Protein backbone atom coordinates (compact mmCIF):
# COMPACT_ATOMS: atom_id res chain seq x y z
CA UNK A 1 -44.10 23.38 79.39
CA UNK A 2 -45.04 24.97 82.69
CA UNK A 3 -48.46 26.20 81.63
CA UNK A 4 -51.34 23.86 82.26
CA UNK A 5 -53.76 23.82 79.32
CA UNK A 6 -57.20 22.28 79.22
CA UNK A 7 -58.05 21.39 75.62
CA UNK A 8 -61.58 21.39 74.31
CA UNK A 9 -62.55 20.26 70.82
CA UNK A 10 -65.83 20.87 69.06
CA UNK A 11 -67.77 21.61 65.88
CA UNK A 12 -69.66 24.90 65.41
CA UNK A 13 -72.13 26.21 62.87
CA UNK A 14 -72.63 29.60 61.27
CA UNK A 15 -76.29 30.15 60.38
CA UNK A 16 -77.28 33.51 58.89
CA UNK A 17 -81.02 34.20 58.64
CA UNK A 18 -82.51 37.45 57.35
CA UNK A 19 -79.36 39.44 58.09
CA UNK A 20 -78.96 38.00 61.60
CA UNK A 21 -76.65 35.38 63.09
CA UNK A 22 -78.13 32.46 65.00
CA UNK A 23 -76.46 32.34 68.41
CA UNK A 24 -77.16 30.36 71.55
CA UNK A 25 -77.53 31.63 75.08
CA UNK A 26 -74.57 29.86 76.68
CA UNK A 27 -75.14 28.21 80.06
CA UNK A 28 -71.76 26.70 80.89
CA UNK A 29 -67.99 26.79 80.48
CA UNK A 30 -65.82 29.86 79.91
CA UNK A 31 -68.43 31.46 77.61
CA UNK A 32 -71.29 31.22 80.12
CA UNK A 33 -73.72 34.15 80.01
CA UNK A 34 -72.50 35.16 76.52
CA UNK A 35 -73.79 34.53 73.03
CA UNK A 36 -72.01 31.57 71.41
CA UNK A 37 -72.28 29.62 68.19
CA UNK A 38 -74.37 26.46 68.25
CA UNK A 39 -72.19 23.38 68.41
CA UNK A 40 -70.09 21.38 70.79
CA UNK A 41 -68.27 18.15 71.50
CA UNK A 42 -68.51 14.88 69.65
CA UNK A 43 -70.09 11.82 71.19
CA UNK A 44 -68.02 8.60 71.26
CA UNK A 45 -67.23 7.55 67.70
CA UNK A 46 -69.34 10.32 66.16
CA UNK A 47 -68.22 11.88 62.87
CA UNK A 48 -67.76 15.64 62.54
CA UNK A 49 -70.64 16.07 60.09
CA UNK A 50 -73.05 14.06 62.25
CA UNK A 51 -71.99 15.98 65.38
CA UNK A 52 -72.66 19.43 63.87
CA UNK A 53 -76.13 18.39 62.70
CA UNK A 54 -76.99 16.90 66.13
CA UNK A 55 -75.58 19.82 68.12
CA UNK A 56 -77.43 22.46 66.08
CA UNK A 57 -80.72 20.56 66.40
CA UNK A 58 -80.27 20.18 70.18
CA UNK A 59 -79.24 23.78 70.79
CA UNK A 60 -81.41 25.74 68.34
CA UNK A 61 -84.29 23.57 67.10
CA UNK A 62 -83.03 23.99 63.51
CA UNK A 63 -82.27 20.95 61.36
CA UNK A 64 -79.25 21.46 59.05
CA UNK A 65 -79.78 20.09 55.53
CA UNK A 66 -76.70 21.37 53.67
CA UNK A 67 -73.37 22.04 55.42
CA UNK A 68 -69.90 23.09 54.28
CA UNK A 69 -66.80 22.76 56.45
CA UNK A 70 -64.89 26.06 56.50
CA UNK A 71 -61.79 25.29 58.51
CA UNK A 72 -60.23 24.79 61.91
CA UNK A 73 -58.83 27.29 64.38
CA UNK A 74 -58.19 27.57 68.09
CA UNK A 75 -58.58 30.14 70.82
CA UNK A 76 -56.23 30.26 73.82
CA UNK A 77 -56.85 32.26 76.98
CA UNK A 78 -56.39 32.11 80.74
CA UNK A 79 -59.16 30.16 82.48
CA UNK A 80 -58.83 28.58 85.89
CA UNK A 81 -60.78 25.35 85.62
CA UNK A 82 -60.17 22.35 87.85
CA UNK A 83 -56.39 21.78 87.70
CA UNK A 84 -55.79 23.87 84.56
CA UNK A 85 -54.72 27.49 84.23
CA UNK A 86 -55.42 27.99 80.53
CA UNK A 87 -57.85 26.81 77.90
CA UNK A 88 -57.22 25.98 74.27
CA UNK A 89 -60.51 25.67 72.41
CA UNK A 90 -60.03 23.88 69.08
CA UNK A 91 -62.95 24.52 66.75
CA UNK A 92 -64.10 23.14 63.40
CA UNK A 93 -66.35 25.73 61.73
CA UNK A 94 -69.22 24.94 59.37
CA UNK A 95 -71.28 27.15 57.11
CA UNK A 96 -74.86 25.93 57.45
CA UNK A 97 -76.14 26.70 53.98
CA UNK A 98 -79.60 25.17 54.21
CA UNK A 99 -81.82 24.17 57.12
CA UNK A 100 -85.41 23.57 58.07
CA UNK A 101 -87.40 24.59 61.11
CA UNK A 102 -87.43 27.64 63.33
CA UNK A 103 -84.84 28.72 65.89
CA UNK A 104 -86.39 28.32 69.36
CA UNK A 105 -85.85 30.53 72.38
CA UNK A 106 -85.86 27.59 74.83
CA UNK A 107 -84.49 24.08 74.30
CA UNK A 108 -84.69 20.82 76.23
CA UNK A 109 -82.33 20.67 79.19
CA UNK A 110 -80.31 17.52 79.91
CA UNK A 111 -76.90 16.60 81.30
CA UNK A 112 -74.31 18.14 78.98
CA UNK A 113 -76.71 20.69 77.47
CA UNK A 114 -75.11 24.14 77.71
CA UNK A 115 -77.60 26.06 75.58
CA UNK A 116 -80.65 27.77 77.00
CA UNK A 117 -81.96 28.31 73.47
CA UNK A 118 -81.31 30.27 70.32
CA UNK A 119 -81.60 33.90 69.34
CA UNK A 120 -81.14 35.76 66.07
CA UNK A 121 -78.89 38.79 66.59
CA UNK A 122 -77.74 41.44 64.11
CA UNK A 123 -73.99 41.53 63.47
CA UNK A 124 -73.84 45.14 64.71
CA UNK A 125 -75.04 43.99 68.15
CA UNK A 126 -72.36 41.31 68.58
CA UNK A 127 -69.07 42.37 70.18
CA UNK A 128 -66.24 41.19 72.44
CA UNK A 129 -68.22 42.12 75.57
CA UNK A 130 -71.25 39.92 74.86
CA UNK A 131 -69.99 37.00 72.74
CA UNK A 132 -67.54 34.16 72.59
CA UNK A 133 -64.52 34.42 70.29
CA UNK A 134 -66.30 31.92 68.02
CA UNK A 135 -69.09 34.42 67.34
CA UNK A 136 -66.55 37.11 66.48
CA UNK A 137 -64.86 34.68 64.05
CA UNK A 138 -68.27 33.98 62.46
CA UNK A 139 -69.00 37.71 62.24
CA UNK A 140 -65.69 38.28 60.44
CA UNK A 141 -66.47 35.41 58.05
CA UNK A 142 -69.83 36.95 57.16
CA UNK A 143 -68.41 40.46 56.76
CA UNK A 144 -65.44 39.25 54.64
CA UNK A 145 -67.49 37.79 51.79
CA UNK A 146 -67.49 34.25 53.19
CA UNK A 147 -63.69 34.05 53.59
CA UNK A 148 -62.74 32.08 56.69
CA UNK A 149 -59.62 33.16 58.59
CA UNK A 150 -58.16 30.06 60.24
CA UNK A 151 -55.50 31.95 62.21
CA UNK A 152 -55.38 30.93 65.86
CA UNK A 153 -56.06 33.63 68.43
CA UNK A 154 -54.54 34.12 71.87
CA UNK A 155 -56.10 36.34 74.51
CA UNK A 156 -54.05 37.59 77.45
CA UNK A 157 -57.18 37.93 79.59
CA UNK A 158 -60.59 36.31 79.59
CA UNK A 159 -63.54 37.34 81.73
CA UNK A 160 -66.16 34.76 82.63
CA UNK A 161 -69.38 36.77 82.94
CA UNK A 162 -71.38 36.51 86.15
CA UNK A 163 -74.60 37.86 84.62
CA UNK A 164 -76.17 37.02 81.26
CA UNK A 165 -76.02 39.47 78.34
CA UNK A 166 -79.23 38.04 76.84
């Protein structure tokens, strides 16, 4: 294979509150300056279910109490990062069915933190120009009566935003 793919793997949560999706203000990677789903990479030896609970707490201030794994998909697109020319983002999606706490606009910053905080956004205000592909997948899940489409998606172009949409 002549293409050079960077592969990222993570867990991501769909939280729907009062008709709005909980998104984070992304501060790193190919989705920087866009709305993204809360979630991310696993720590060494961490299980998927522990990682999603930790990531959501770190990035939103919410504490998941009841979760349901929906499925796995991946997104492929051109992204020039270090020595790679493309990215394949492999994602495990979770429906966060019960939680406690309040989504916070600002979260603690530390090495590896790529969320500036959470925001509740109506589905009508989320589109390909201001979100990650993960958010669009979550939007489709919510609009399709909680049916998760695990089909992989490939994008021929990907624009890393220079200015935030939030």
